[in-house]
C-alpha atoms as a PDB file:
ATOM      1  CA  MET A   1      52.418 116.748  85.304  1.00  0.00           C
ATOM      2  CA  THR A   2      51.516 116.889  81.614  1.00  0.00           C
ATOM      3  CA  LEU A   3      49.258 114.622  79.952  1.00  0.00           C
ATOM      4  CA  GLU A   4      52.097 113.292  77.803  1.00  0.00           C
ATOM      5  CA  LYS A   5      54.376 112.641  80.820  1.00  0.00           C
ATOM      6  CA  GLY A   6      51.436 110.943  82.392  1.00  0.00           C
ATOM      7  CA  ASN A   7      51.006 108.620  79.623  1.00  0.00           C
ATOM      8  CA  GLU A   8      54.686 107.887  79.352  1.00  0.00           C
ATOM      9  CA  MET A   9      54.603 106.806  82.830  1.00  0.00           C
ATOM     10  CA  MET A  10      51.585 104.632  82.351  1.00  0.00           C
ATOM     11  CA  ARG A  11      53.457 102.918  79.532  1.00  0.00           C
ATOM     12  CA  ARG A  12      56.453 102.149  81.443  1.00  0.00           C
ATOM     13  CA  GLY A  13      54.324 100.919  84.303  1.00  0.00           C
ATOM     14  CA  LEU A  14      52.594  98.423  81.852  1.00  0.00           C
ATOM     15  CA  LEU A  15      55.855  97.441  80.233  1.00  0.00           C
ATOM     16  CA  ALA A  16      57.345  96.664  83.513  1.00  0.00           C
ATOM     17  CA  ALA A  17      54.396  94.562  84.581  1.00  0.00           C
ATOM     18  CA  ILE A  18      54.646  92.566  81.162  1.00  0.00           C
ATOM     19  CA  LEU A  19      58.293  92.030  81.414  1.00  0.00           C
ATOM     20  CA  PHE A  20      58.176  90.801  84.961  1.00  0.00           C
ATOM     21  CA  VAL A  21      55.521  88.256  84.065  1.00  0.00           C
ATOM     22  CA  LEU A  22      57.745  87.108  80.933  1.00  0.00           C
ATOM     23  CA  GLY A  23      61.042  87.021  83.262  1.00  0.00           C
ATOM     24  CA  LEU A  24      62.415  90.100  81.305  1.00  0.00           C
ATOM     25  CA  THR A  25      63.188  92.322  84.169  1.00  0.00           C
ATOM     26  CA  ALA A  26      66.722  92.562  83.340  1.00  0.00           C
ATOM     27  CA  VAL A  27      66.178  93.718  79.663  1.00  0.00           C
ATOM     28  CA  ALA A  28      66.831  97.365  79.083  1.00  0.00           C
ATOM     29  CA  VAL A  29      64.147  98.749  76.585  1.00  0.00           C
ATOM     30  CA  PRO A  30      64.703 102.340  75.428  1.00  0.00           C
ATOM     31  CA  SER A  31      61.580 104.626  75.731  1.00  0.00           C
ATOM     32  CA  SER A  32      60.004 106.473  73.101  1.00  0.00           C
ATOM     33  CA  ALA A  33      61.665 109.560  74.600  1.00  0.00           C
ATOM     34  CA  ASN A  34      65.344 108.529  74.029  1.00  0.00           C
ATOM     35  CA  ALA A  35      65.161 106.141  70.829  1.00  0.00           C
ATOM     36  CA  GLU A  36      66.619 107.349  67.922  1.00  0.00           C
ATOM     37  CA  GLY A  37      63.853 107.529  65.238  1.00  0.00           C
ATOM     38  CA  ALA A  38      60.887 105.564  64.912  1.00  0.00           C
ATOM     39  CA  LYS A  39      60.879 101.812  66.173  1.00  0.00           C
ATOM     40  CA  PRO A  40      60.838  98.964  63.299  1.00  0.00           C
ATOM     41  CA  THR A  41      57.685  97.100  62.657  1.00  0.00           C
ATOM     42  CA  VAL A  42      58.299  93.682  63.611  1.00  0.00           C
ATOM     43  CA  VAL A  43      56.487  91.076  61.274  1.00  0.00           C
ATOM     44  CA  LEU A  44      56.104  87.794  62.999  1.00  0.00           C
ATOM     45  CA  VAL A  45      55.416  84.624  60.716  1.00  0.00           C
ATOM     46  CA  HIS A  46      54.178  81.276  62.311  1.00  0.00           C
ATOM     47  CA  GLY A  47      54.968  77.714  60.922  1.00  0.00           C
ATOM     48  CA  VAL A  48      52.771  74.680  60.244  1.00  0.00           C
ATOM     49  CA  PHE A  49      50.323  73.559  62.527  1.00  0.00           C
ATOM     50  CA  ALA A  50      50.155  76.471  64.180  1.00  0.00           C
ATOM     51  CA  ASP A  51      48.655  80.232  64.156  1.00  0.00           C
ATOM     52  CA  SER A  52      49.570  83.770  64.989  1.00  0.00           C
ATOM     53  CA  SER A  53      48.126  83.204  68.682  1.00  0.00           C
ATOM     54  CA  GLY A  54      51.492  81.336  69.545  1.00  0.00           C
ATOM     55  CA  TRP A  55      53.301  84.744  69.480  1.00  0.00           C
ATOM     56  CA  ASN A  56      50.873  86.300  71.989  1.00  0.00           C
ATOM     57  CA  PRO A  57      53.470  86.702  74.623  1.00  0.00           C
ATOM     58  CA  THR A  58      56.037  88.001  72.241  1.00  0.00           C
ATOM     59  CA  ILE A  59      53.627  90.437  70.980  1.00  0.00           C
ATOM     60  CA  ALA A  60      52.627  91.794  74.371  1.00  0.00           C
ATOM     61  CA  ALA A  61      56.124  92.465  75.375  1.00  0.00           C
ATOM     62  CA  LEU A  62      57.068  94.179  72.071  1.00  0.00           C
ATOM     63  CA  GLN A  63      53.953  96.332  71.929  1.00  0.00           C
ATOM     64  CA  ALA A  64      54.673  97.386  75.603  1.00  0.00           C
ATOM     65  CA  ALA A  65      58.090  98.461  74.421  1.00  0.00           C
ATOM     66  CA  GLY A  66      56.644 100.488  71.588  1.00  0.00           C
ATOM     67  CA  PHE A  67      57.119  98.339  68.736  1.00  0.00           C
ATOM     68  CA  PRO A  68      54.538  98.200  65.933  1.00  0.00           C
ATOM     69  CA  VAL A  69      53.876  94.401  65.382  1.00  0.00           C
ATOM     70  CA  ILE A  70      52.453  92.364  62.765  1.00  0.00           C
ATOM     71  CA  ALA A  71      51.603  88.740  63.329  1.00  0.00           C
ATOM     72  CA  ALA A  72      51.013  87.444  59.752  1.00  0.00           C
ATOM     73  CA  ALA A  73      48.481  84.797  58.821  1.00  0.00           C
ATOM     74  CA  ASN A  74      50.754  82.516  57.018  1.00  0.00           C
ATOM     75  CA  PRO A  75      48.610  80.735  54.498  1.00  0.00           C
ATOM     76  CA  LEU A  76      50.502  77.454  54.586  1.00  0.00           C
ATOM     77  CA  ARG A  77      49.876  76.530  51.001  1.00  0.00           C
ATOM     78  CA  ASP A  78      53.393  76.209  49.281  1.00  0.00           C
ATOM     79  CA  LEU A  79      56.593  78.062  49.982  1.00  0.00           C
ATOM     80  CA  GLU A  80      56.431  80.388  47.007  1.00  0.00           C
ATOM     81  CA  GLY A  81      52.686  81.489  47.536  1.00  0.00           C
ATOM     82  CA  ASP A  82      53.411  81.811  51.258  1.00  0.00           C
ATOM     83  CA  ALA A  83      56.428  83.909  50.822  1.00  0.00           C
ATOM     84  CA  ALA A  84      54.862  86.060  48.252  1.00  0.00           C
ATOM     85  CA  TYR A  85      51.906  86.780  50.621  1.00  0.00           C
ATOM     86  CA  VAL A  86      54.276  87.853  53.349  1.00  0.00           C
ATOM     87  CA  SER A  87      56.185  89.818  51.007  1.00  0.00           C
ATOM     88  CA  SER A  88      52.951  91.730  50.208  1.00  0.00           C
ATOM     89  CA  ILE A  89      52.579  92.642  53.674  1.00  0.00           C
ATOM     90  CA  VAL A  90      55.997  94.162  54.022  1.00  0.00           C
ATOM     91  CA  ASP A  91      54.969  96.067  51.087  1.00  0.00           C
ATOM     92  CA  THR A  92      52.581  97.866  52.936  1.00  0.00           C
ATOM     93  CA  ILE A  93      55.132  99.139  55.789  1.00  0.00           C
ATOM     94  CA  PRO A  94      56.987 102.252  54.936  1.00  0.00           C
ATOM     95  CA  GLY A  95      59.513 102.295  57.864  1.00  0.00           C
ATOM     96  CA  PRO A  96      62.185  99.713  58.951  1.00  0.00           C
ATOM     97  CA  VAL A  97      61.088  96.223  59.617  1.00  0.00           C
ATOM     98  CA  ILE A  98      62.620  93.243  61.429  1.00  0.00           C
ATOM     99  CA  MET A  99      61.202  89.990  60.201  1.00  0.00           C
ATOM    100  CA  VAL A 100      60.807  86.930  62.593  1.00  0.00           C
ATOM    101  CA  GLY A 101      60.039  83.442  61.450  1.00  0.00           C
ATOM    102  CA  HIS A 102      59.349  80.270  63.689  1.00  0.00           C
ATOM    103  CA  SER A 103      59.921  76.793  62.221  1.00  0.00           C
ATOM    104  CA  TYR A 104      58.682  76.789  58.723  1.00  0.00           C
ATOM    105  CA  GLY A 105      58.079  80.419  59.094  1.00  0.00           C
ATOM    106  CA  GLY A 106      61.822  81.016  58.816  1.00  0.00           C
ATOM    107  CA  ALA A 107      61.950  79.533  55.356  1.00  0.00           C
ATOM    108  CA  VAL A 108      59.090  82.107  54.389  1.00  0.00           C
ATOM    109  CA  ILE A 109      60.989  85.069  55.716  1.00  0.00           C
ATOM    110  CA  THR A 110      64.184  83.872  54.005  1.00  0.00           C
ATOM    111  CA  ASP A 111      62.308  84.439  50.510  1.00  0.00           C
ATOM    112  CA  ALA A 112      59.772  87.092  51.525  1.00  0.00           C
ATOM    113  CA  ALA A 113      62.528  89.476  52.740  1.00  0.00           C
ATOM    114  CA  ASN A 114      64.275  89.775  49.409  1.00  0.00           C
ATOM    115  CA  GLY A 115      63.465  92.951  47.386  1.00  0.00           C
ATOM    116  CA  HIS A 116      62.740  95.106  50.636  1.00  0.00           C
ATOM    117  CA  ASP A 117      65.552  97.584  51.419  1.00  0.00           C
ATOM    118  CA  ASN A 118      63.694  98.402  54.769  1.00  0.00           C
ATOM    119  CA  VAL A 119      64.091  94.882  56.269  1.00  0.00           C
ATOM    120  CA  LYS A 120      66.825  95.530  58.666  1.00  0.00           C
ATOM    121  CA  ALA A 121      67.016  92.021  60.244  1.00  0.00           C
ATOM    122  CA  LEU A 122      65.798  88.375  60.071  1.00  0.00           C
ATOM    123  CA  VAL A 123      65.218  86.580  63.492  1.00  0.00           C
ATOM    124  CA  TYR A 124      65.039  82.715  63.218  1.00  0.00           C
ATOM    125  CA  VAL A 125      63.132  81.161  66.075  1.00  0.00           C
ATOM    126  CA  ALA A 126      63.804  77.187  65.951  1.00  0.00           C
ATOM    127  CA  ALA A 127      63.412  77.867  62.310  1.00  0.00           C
ATOM    128  CA  LEU A 128      64.651  76.812  58.888  1.00  0.00           C
ATOM    129  CA  ALA A 129      66.793  79.018  56.943  1.00  0.00           C
ATOM    130  CA  PRO A 130      67.246  77.401  53.713  1.00  0.00           C
ATOM    131  CA  ASP A 131      69.827  78.156  50.910  1.00  0.00           C
ATOM    132  CA  GLN A 132      68.579  78.552  47.345  1.00  0.00           C
ATOM    133  CA  GLY A 133      67.346  75.159  45.926  1.00  0.00           C
ATOM    134  CA  GLU A 134      66.796  73.414  49.318  1.00  0.00           C
ATOM    135  CA  SER A 135      63.504  72.518  50.437  1.00  0.00           C
ATOM    136  CA  PRO A 136      62.255  72.720  54.212  1.00  0.00           C
ATOM    137  CA  LEU A 137      61.618  68.947  54.212  1.00  0.00           C
ATOM    138  CA  GLN A 138      65.149  68.138  52.920  1.00  0.00           C
ATOM    139  CA  LEU A 139      66.538  70.392  55.644  1.00  0.00           C
ATOM    140  CA  SER A 140      64.610  68.677  58.285  1.00  0.00           C
ATOM    141  CA  THR A 141      65.516  65.213  57.136  1.00  0.00           C
ATOM    142  CA  GLN A 142      69.093  65.869  56.363  1.00  0.00           C
ATOM    143  CA  PHE A 143      69.621  66.040  60.137  1.00  0.00           C
ATOM    144  CA  GLY A 144      66.838  63.867  61.311  1.00  0.00           C
ATOM    145  CA  LEU A 145      55.698  71.796  52.955  1.00  0.00           C
ATOM    146  CA  SER A 146      57.837  70.740  50.234  1.00  0.00           C
ATOM    147  CA  GLY A 147      58.752  73.481  47.709  1.00  0.00           C
ATOM    148  CA  HIS A 148      62.322  74.856  46.958  1.00  0.00           C
ATOM    149  CA  SER A 149      63.815  78.209  48.328  1.00  0.00           C
ATOM    150  CA  GLY A 150      64.930  81.052  46.018  1.00  0.00           C
ATOM    151  CA  ALA A 151      67.764  83.238  46.825  1.00  0.00           C
ATOM    152  CA  PRO A 152      68.008  83.523  50.800  1.00  0.00           C
ATOM    153  CA  ALA A 153      67.844  86.933  52.184  1.00  0.00           C
ATOM    154  CA  TRP A 154      70.185  86.147  54.765  1.00  0.00           C
ATOM    155  CA  LYS A 155      73.041  86.504  52.464  1.00  0.00           C
ATOM    156  CA  ALA A 156      72.055  90.322  52.278  1.00  0.00           C
ATOM    157  CA  ILE A 157      70.435  90.923  55.763  1.00  0.00           C
ATOM    158  CA  PRO A 158      72.004  90.477  59.209  1.00  0.00           C
ATOM    159  CA  SER A 159      70.344  87.513  61.126  1.00  0.00           C
ATOM    160  CA  TRP A 160      69.882  86.155  64.521  1.00  0.00           C
ATOM    161  CA  TYR A 161      68.963  82.776  65.714  1.00  0.00           C
ATOM    162  CA  VAL A 162      67.154  81.243  68.592  1.00  0.00           C
ATOM    163  CA  ILE A 163      67.938  77.519  69.103  1.00  0.00           C
ATOM    164  CA  PRO A 164      65.997  75.611  71.659  1.00  0.00           C
ATOM    165  CA  THR A 165      68.189  72.642  72.572  1.00  0.00           C
ATOM    166  CA  ALA A 166      65.419  70.270  73.280  1.00  0.00           C
ATOM    167  CA  ASP A 167      63.499  70.666  69.810  1.00  0.00           C
ATOM    168  CA  LYS A 168      62.204  67.445  68.579  1.00  0.00           C
ATOM    169  CA  VAL A 169      60.957  69.028  65.367  1.00  0.00           C
ATOM    170  CA  ILE A 170      64.052  70.613  63.619  1.00  0.00           C
ATOM    171  CA  PRO A 171      67.336  68.967  65.290  1.00  0.00           C
ATOM    172  CA  PRO A 172      69.435  71.793  67.032  1.00  0.00           C
ATOM    173  CA  ALA A 173      72.258  70.301  65.093  1.00  0.00           C
ATOM    174  CA  ALA A 174      70.441  71.285  61.750  1.00  0.00           C
ATOM    175  CA  GLN A 175      69.566  74.705  63.216  1.00  0.00           C
ATOM    176  CA  ARG A 176      73.202  75.552  64.221  1.00  0.00           C
ATOM    177  CA  PHE A 177      74.298  74.387  61.012  1.00  0.00           C
ATOM    178  CA  MET A 178      72.139  76.900  59.413  1.00  0.00           C
ATOM    179  CA  ALA A 179      72.805  79.636  61.840  1.00  0.00           C
ATOM    180  CA  GLU A 180      76.723  79.240  61.200  1.00  0.00           C
ATOM    181  CA  ARG A 181      76.326  79.106  57.469  1.00  0.00           C
ATOM    182  CA  ALA A 182      74.192  82.407  57.608  1.00  0.00           C
ATOM    183  CA  GLY A 183      76.365  84.036  60.128  1.00  0.00           C
ATOM    184  CA  SER A 184      73.648  84.514  62.448  1.00  0.00           C
ATOM    185  CA  LYS A 185      74.238  85.741  66.138  1.00  0.00           C
ATOM    186  CA  VAL A 186      72.882  82.657  68.127  1.00  0.00           C
ATOM    187  CA  ARG A 187      71.225  82.537  71.433  1.00  0.00           C
ATOM    188  CA  GLU A 188      70.435  78.973  72.725  1.00  0.00           C
ATOM    189  CA  ALA A 189      67.515  78.275  75.012  1.00  0.00           C
ATOM    190  CA  GLU A 190      68.788  75.408  77.177  1.00  0.00           C
ATOM    191  CA  GLY A 191      66.125  72.878  77.527  1.00  0.00           C
ATOM    192  CA  ALA A 192      63.458  74.475  75.569  1.00  0.00           C
ATOM    193  CA  SER A 193      61.229  72.727  73.098  1.00  0.00           C
ATOM    194  CA  HIS A 194      60.317  73.589  69.534  1.00  0.00           C
ATOM    195  CA  ALA A 195      57.623  75.924  70.779  1.00  0.00           C
ATOM    196  CA  VAL A 196      60.188  78.124  72.299  1.00  0.00           C
ATOM    197  CA  MET A 197      58.273  81.383  71.730  1.00  0.00           C
ATOM    198  CA  ILE A 198      55.521  80.016  74.174  1.00  0.00           C
ATOM    199  CA  SER A 199      57.704  78.301  76.852  1.00  0.00           C
ATOM    200  CA  ARG A 200      60.761  80.953  76.607  1.00  0.00           C
ATOM    201  CA  PRO A 201      59.073  84.143  75.377  1.00  0.00           C
ATOM    202  CA  ASP A 202      61.923  86.173  77.188  1.00  0.00           C
ATOM    203  CA  THR A 203      64.544  84.467  75.109  1.00  0.00           C
ATOM    204  CA  VAL A 204      62.920  85.207  71.966  1.00  0.00           C
ATOM    205  CA  VAL A 205      62.182  88.976  72.985  1.00  0.00           C
ATOM    206  CA  ARG A 206      65.699  89.501  74.014  1.00  0.00           C
ATOM    207  CA  GLN A 207      66.853  88.174  70.556  1.00  0.00           C
ATOM    208  CA  ILE A 208      64.571  90.516  68.889  1.00  0.00           C
ATOM    209  CA  LEU A 209      65.899  93.385  71.024  1.00  0.00           C
ATOM    210  CA  SER A 210      69.460  92.379  69.852  1.00  0.00           C
ATOM    211  CA  ALA A 211      68.596  92.800  66.376  1.00  0.00           C
ATOM    212  CA  TYR A 212      66.930  95.855  66.895  1.00  0.00           C
ATOM    213  CA  TYR A 213      69.824  97.535  69.058  1.00  0.00           C
ATOM    214  CA  ALA A 214      72.281  96.234  66.175  1.00  0.00           C
ATOM    215  CA  THR A 215      70.602  97.501  63.233  1.00  0.00           C
ATOM    216  CA  ARG A 216      69.071 100.954  64.265  1.00  0.00           C
END
């Protein structure tokens, strides 16, 4: 057995173990041997009252599947500044990118993805996907960090949405409205709370993989 083959078998074993823990045994993930080209870098953006550690289960599964992952430390100052910071991170990535935003992080990626031809997909996780001129606060209160969004990247970049049906922070009705408006492919997490990437990481990973398969 060659060293390369041995490493590939170890990688597959680690992936299988992580997917089993996350309840992802039914998800087919292409190996590095048969994937077409390099996998995209997944940029994860957290929301308010949170930090990047909330993405840990998602990060573990994606890295085991061979995806480069960056969990951005969202500054949480104002929408324009936060989007500019995340955009500067994307500036450093030479290959394809999938951007994933949770909660307010969705508003951030909506602006930050603009101007980056390498951003192939947007994934909204219990998130806000504002249109131009809308504020995150306005969207939340319309159905139940102020600042107004610029031109929304979801008008030019395909998007996916995870909607937890028991979300008490951003009403599911608001998320369905934003997802329909953006033409997003929707996956609902029945009975899941706003912190769906912690309680149901399997659903989040499946949706990121769906974005990858559709845009590679």
